[in-house]
Amino acid sequence: MTVRARNIGFRYGNRPVLEEVSFTLTSGGFHALLGLNGAGKSTLFGLLTGLLALQQGDLLVAGQSLKKQPTEAMCKIGMVFQQNALDLDLTVRQNLLYHAALHGLSRKEARARSDRELTRFHMLERANEPVRELNGGHRRRVEIARALLHEPSLLLLDEPTVGLDVASRKELNDHVRMLCESDSLTVLWATHLIEEVRREDRVLILHEGALLADGVGQDIYEVEGARDLVKTFHTLTGAG
């Protein structure tokens, strides 16, 4: 399941936020969208999920155009936003069942898929607890489980580890990578934390709305003559 972004551009008034952004995501791959805060990552995700209207360009998900066939394309996309989007007063299971109903799943199928995803995230024993009682890492697990209920081909995660401690960040990152391998899930993981990116990852570096680099992390920094991705990122973006 290939994902292609073609010449995506966006402006807030007269201010350009994204300019001619194009890339291709390979099926079952973990792709890191690396950029400083304000680089345009959240705006790009807003466009890819239909929260913002495409002004320029298009996204093709398994050949389905987000512009021409938005319903078909969106059915293939799961999303985890930077800000927590769970209802804190509902239980874990209630949050999942409500989301499943929005996708038209029957009660029986929704229950089966919810239990399956919670089991994979080691959260089934907490299914009847209010989300308010969960820590940040466990809430993120529930959000990802919810995003997978309709069995999307593409999972978008916008700064999913914000506010989590180092151990929780690593655990979440490792689990998402496992999903790529076990489910052939295509993942686009947006972050400003370079330690979440591995040198063998496909890396897209976004800065001030422009895509500055797109390739395997190690290849990018070797081309730049740097010793690692950290140095390359700082050079390209002027960070640090």
Protein backbone atom coordinates (compact mmCIF):
# COMPACT_ATOMS: atom_id res chain seq x y z
CA MET A 1 0.00 0.00 0.00
CA THR A 2 1.89 3.02 -1.31
CA VAL A 3 1.19 6.57 -0.16
CA ARG A 4 2.11 9.50 -2.38
CA ALA A 5 2.01 13.18 -1.48
CA ARG A 6 2.18 15.40 -4.54
CA ASN A 7 3.17 19.07 -4.41
CA ILE A 8 1.29 19.86 -1.21
CA GLY A 9 1.16 23.55 -0.43
CA PHE A 10 -0.73 25.56 2.16
CA ARG A 11 -1.03 29.19 3.27
CA TYR A 12 -2.56 30.90 6.26
CA GLY A 13 -3.62 34.13 4.61
CA ASN A 14 -0.54 35.40 2.79
CA ARG A 15 1.88 33.38 4.90
CA PRO A 16 3.13 30.15 3.27
CA VAL A 17 3.30 27.24 5.71
CA LEU A 18 4.02 24.39 3.29
CA GLU A 19 5.60 24.73 -0.14
CA GLU A 20 5.64 22.03 -2.84
CA VAL A 21 5.98 19.10 -0.40
CA SER A 22 6.18 15.74 -2.21
CA PHE A 23 7.13 12.30 -0.92
CA THR A 24 6.29 8.61 -1.22
CA LEU A 25 5.81 6.24 1.72
CA THR A 26 6.50 2.54 1.20
CA SER A 27 4.15 -0.16 2.43
CA GLY A 28 4.98 -1.50 5.87
CA GLY A 29 7.68 1.09 6.47
CA PHE A 30 8.42 3.30 9.49
CA HIS A 31 8.97 6.85 8.23
CA ALA A 32 10.16 9.66 10.48
CA LEU A 33 9.01 13.21 9.75
CA LEU A 34 11.65 15.24 11.54
CA GLY A 35 11.30 18.96 12.13
CA LEU A 36 11.50 21.69 14.73
CA ASN A 37 8.35 23.00 16.35
CA GLY A 38 6.73 25.26 13.77
CA ALA A 39 8.24 23.43 10.80
CA GLY A 40 4.77 22.64 9.40
CA LYS A 41 4.40 19.04 10.61
CA SER A 42 1.00 19.53 12.26
CA THR A 43 -0.30 21.50 9.28
CA LEU A 44 0.78 18.70 6.96
CA PHE A 45 -1.00 16.17 9.15
CA GLY A 46 -4.09 18.37 9.22
CA LEU A 47 -4.13 18.27 5.42
CA LEU A 48 -3.48 14.53 5.26
CA THR A 49 -6.43 13.83 7.56
CA GLY A 50 -8.87 16.26 6.01
CA LEU A 51 -8.99 18.60 9.02
CA LEU A 52 -7.65 21.27 6.70
CA ALA A 53 -8.74 21.62 3.11
CA LEU A 54 -6.13 20.96 0.47
CA GLN A 55 -5.23 24.21 -1.27
CA GLN A 56 -2.58 22.75 -3.53
CA GLY A 57 -1.53 19.22 -4.41
CA ASP A 58 -3.00 15.87 -3.48
CA LEU A 59 -2.47 12.75 -1.39
CA LEU A 60 -2.93 9.30 -2.90
CA VAL A 61 -3.54 6.39 -0.53
CA ALA A 62 -3.40 3.09 -2.41
CA GLY A 63 -4.37 5.06 -5.51
CA GLN A 64 -7.32 6.82 -3.84
CA SER A 65 -7.16 10.60 -4.08
CA LEU A 66 -7.83 12.57 -0.91
CA LYS A 67 -9.10 15.38 -3.12
CA LYS A 68 -11.28 13.34 -5.48
CA GLN A 69 -12.24 10.34 -3.32
CA PRO A 70 -11.93 11.68 0.24
CA THR A 71 -14.19 9.06 1.86
CA GLU A 72 -12.33 6.13 0.30
CA ALA A 73 -8.92 7.63 1.11
CA MET A 74 -9.80 8.52 4.72
CA CYS A 75 -11.00 4.96 5.39
CA LYS A 76 -7.40 3.86 4.95
CA ILE A 77 -5.92 6.39 7.41
CA GLY A 78 -5.58 6.22 11.20
CA MET A 79 -4.49 9.28 13.17
CA VAL A 80 -3.02 10.02 16.60
CA PHE A 81 -2.95 13.74 17.32
CA GLN A 82 -0.43 15.64 19.42
CA GLN A 83 -3.14 16.72 21.83
CA ASN A 84 -4.95 14.00 23.74
CA ALA A 85 -8.30 13.32 22.08
CA LEU A 86 -9.80 10.78 24.47
CA ASP A 87 -12.85 11.40 26.63
CA LEU A 88 -11.35 11.29 30.11
CA ASP A 89 -14.64 10.47 31.82
CA LEU A 90 -15.36 7.40 29.70
CA THR A 91 -13.67 4.05 30.26
CA VAL A 92 -10.98 2.77 27.94
CA ARG A 93 -13.42 0.39 26.26
CA GLN A 94 -16.16 3.03 25.95
CA ASN A 95 -13.72 5.32 24.12
CA LEU A 96 -12.89 2.56 21.67
CA LEU A 97 -16.48 1.43 21.12
CA TYR A 98 -17.63 4.99 20.46
CA HIS A 99 -14.88 5.48 17.87
CA ALA A 100 -15.69 2.12 16.25
CA ALA A 101 -19.34 3.13 15.94
CA LEU A 102 -18.29 6.24 14.02
CA HIS A 103 -16.66 3.91 11.49
CA GLY A 104 -19.85 1.88 11.17
CA LEU A 105 -18.64 -1.25 12.96
CA SER A 106 -21.23 -3.45 14.60
CA ARG A 107 -21.20 -3.73 18.39
CA LYS A 108 -19.92 -7.29 18.18
CA GLU A 109 -17.13 -6.47 15.72
CA ALA A 110 -16.19 -3.34 17.65
CA ARG A 111 -15.89 -5.32 20.87
CA ALA A 112 -13.75 -8.00 19.20
CA ARG A 113 -11.41 -5.47 17.59
CA SER A 114 -11.16 -3.40 20.78
CA ASP A 115 -10.17 -6.45 22.81
CA ARG A 116 -7.66 -7.47 20.15
CA GLU A 117 -5.92 -4.09 20.11
CA LEU A 118 -5.99 -3.67 23.89
CA THR A 119 -4.45 -7.11 24.24
CA ARG A 120 -1.63 -6.20 21.87
CA PHE A 121 -0.98 -3.06 23.92
CA HIS A 122 -1.17 -4.98 27.22
CA MET A 123 -4.14 -2.83 28.25
CA LEU A 124 -7.04 -5.31 28.26
CA GLU A 125 -7.03 -5.62 32.04
CA ARG A 126 -7.64 -1.87 32.24
CA ALA A 127 -10.48 -1.78 29.71
CA ASN A 128 -13.10 -0.82 32.32
CA GLU A 129 -11.08 1.93 33.97
CA PRO A 130 -11.81 5.60 33.27
CA VAL A 131 -9.17 7.09 30.99
CA ARG A 132 -8.66 9.82 33.58
CA GLU A 133 -6.95 7.25 35.82
CA LEU A 134 -4.31 6.31 33.21
CA ASN A 135 -0.87 7.85 32.98
CA GLY A 136 0.30 9.59 29.80
CA GLY A 137 1.97 6.53 28.30
CA HIS A 138 -1.08 4.34 28.77
CA ARG A 139 -3.37 7.01 27.30
CA ARG A 140 -1.17 7.05 24.20
CA ARG A 141 -1.49 3.28 23.91
CA VAL A 142 -5.27 3.63 23.99
CA GLU A 143 -5.19 6.36 21.35
CA ILE A 144 -3.13 4.21 19.00
CA ALA A 145 -5.37 1.20 19.66
CA ARG A 146 -8.38 3.38 18.82
CA ALA A 147 -6.75 4.61 15.60
CA LEU A 148 -6.28 0.99 14.46
CA LEU A 149 -9.85 -0.21 15.01
CA HIS A 150 -10.95 0.35 11.41
CA GLU A 151 -7.78 -1.44 10.21
CA PRO A 152 -6.15 1.44 8.31
CA SER A 153 -3.22 0.99 5.96
CA LEU A 154 -1.58 4.26 7.00
CA LEU A 155 -1.03 5.43 10.59
CA LEU A 156 -0.11 9.08 11.20
CA LEU A 157 1.32 10.07 14.57
CA ASP A 158 1.90 13.74 15.34
CA GLU A 159 4.48 14.14 18.15
CA PRO A 160 2.99 11.09 19.92
CA THR A 161 5.53 11.06 22.78
CA VAL A 162 5.13 14.67 23.93
CA GLY A 163 4.98 14.74 27.73
CA LEU A 164 6.15 11.15 28.17
CA ASP A 165 9.25 10.06 30.07
CA VAL A 166 12.20 8.46 28.28
CA ALA A 167 11.18 4.87 29.04
CA SER A 168 7.57 5.44 27.88
CA ARG A 169 8.79 7.13 24.68
CA LYS A 170 11.00 4.18 23.80
CA GLU A 171 8.30 1.63 24.59
CA LEU A 172 5.77 3.41 22.38
CA ASN A 173 8.27 3.86 19.56
CA ASP A 174 9.25 0.18 19.69
CA HIS A 175 5.62 -0.95 19.66
CA VAL A 176 4.74 1.11 16.60
CA ARG A 177 7.75 -0.32 14.78
CA MET A 178 6.52 -3.79 15.68
CA LEU A 179 3.17 -2.97 14.05
CA CYS A 180 4.98 -2.11 10.82
CA GLU A 181 6.52 -5.58 10.81
CA SER A 182 3.54 -7.60 12.02
CA ASP A 183 0.74 -5.81 10.13
CA SER A 184 2.63 -4.28 7.18
CA LEU A 185 1.34 -0.97 8.54
CA THR A 186 2.72 2.15 6.89
CA VAL A 187 3.67 4.72 9.55
CA LEU A 188 4.53 8.41 9.39
CA TRP A 189 5.88 9.43 12.81
CA ALA A 190 6.32 13.20 13.25
CA THR A 191 8.79 14.33 15.89
CA HIS A 192 11.34 16.96 16.82
CA LEU A 193 13.23 14.42 18.97
CA ILE A 194 16.09 12.95 16.95
CA GLU A 195 16.65 10.19 19.49
CA GLU A 196 13.36 8.64 18.29
CA VAL A 197 14.84 8.19 14.82
CA ARG A 198 17.18 5.37 13.81
CA ARG A 199 19.86 5.64 11.17
CA GLU A 200 18.17 2.94 9.08
CA ASP A 201 14.82 4.78 9.10
CA ARG A 202 13.46 6.58 6.10
CA VAL A 203 13.68 10.22 7.22
CA LEU A 204 11.94 13.32 5.89
CA ILE A 205 13.35 16.59 7.25
CA LEU A 206 10.83 19.43 7.15
CA HIS A 207 11.92 22.99 7.90
CA GLU A 208 9.92 26.20 7.51
CA GLY A 209 7.46 24.42 5.23
CA ALA A 210 10.04 22.95 2.85
CA LEU A 211 11.23 19.35 2.60
CA LEU A 212 15.01 19.64 2.94
CA ALA A 213 15.91 15.94 2.86
CA ASP A 214 14.21 12.64 2.09
CA GLY A 215 16.04 9.33 2.37
CA VAL A 216 17.52 6.74 4.69
CA GLY A 217 18.91 8.51 7.75
CA GLN A 218 22.45 7.19 7.38
CA ASP A 219 22.53 8.08 3.68
CA ILE A 220 21.41 11.63 4.46
CA TYR A 221 24.16 12.36 6.94
CA GLU A 222 26.84 10.63 4.84
CA VAL A 223 25.92 12.78 1.84
CA GLU A 224 26.20 15.85 4.07
CA GLY A 225 29.60 14.66 5.28
CA ALA A 226 28.40 14.51 8.89
CA ARG A 227 29.04 11.88 11.53
CA ASP A 228 25.39 11.44 12.48
CA LEU A 229 21.84 12.63 11.88
CA VAL A 230 21.97 15.05 14.81
CA LYS A 231 24.77 17.06 13.22
CA THR A 232 23.08 16.98 9.82
CA PHE A 233 19.75 18.11 11.26
CA HIS A 234 21.41 21.02 13.05
CA THR A 235 23.27 22.02 9.89
CA LEU A 236 20.22 21.90 7.64
CA THR A 237 17.84 23.67 10.01
CA GLY A 238 20.18 25.94 11.94
CA ALA A 239 19.01 24.32 15.18
CA GLY A 240 21.16 24.46 18.28
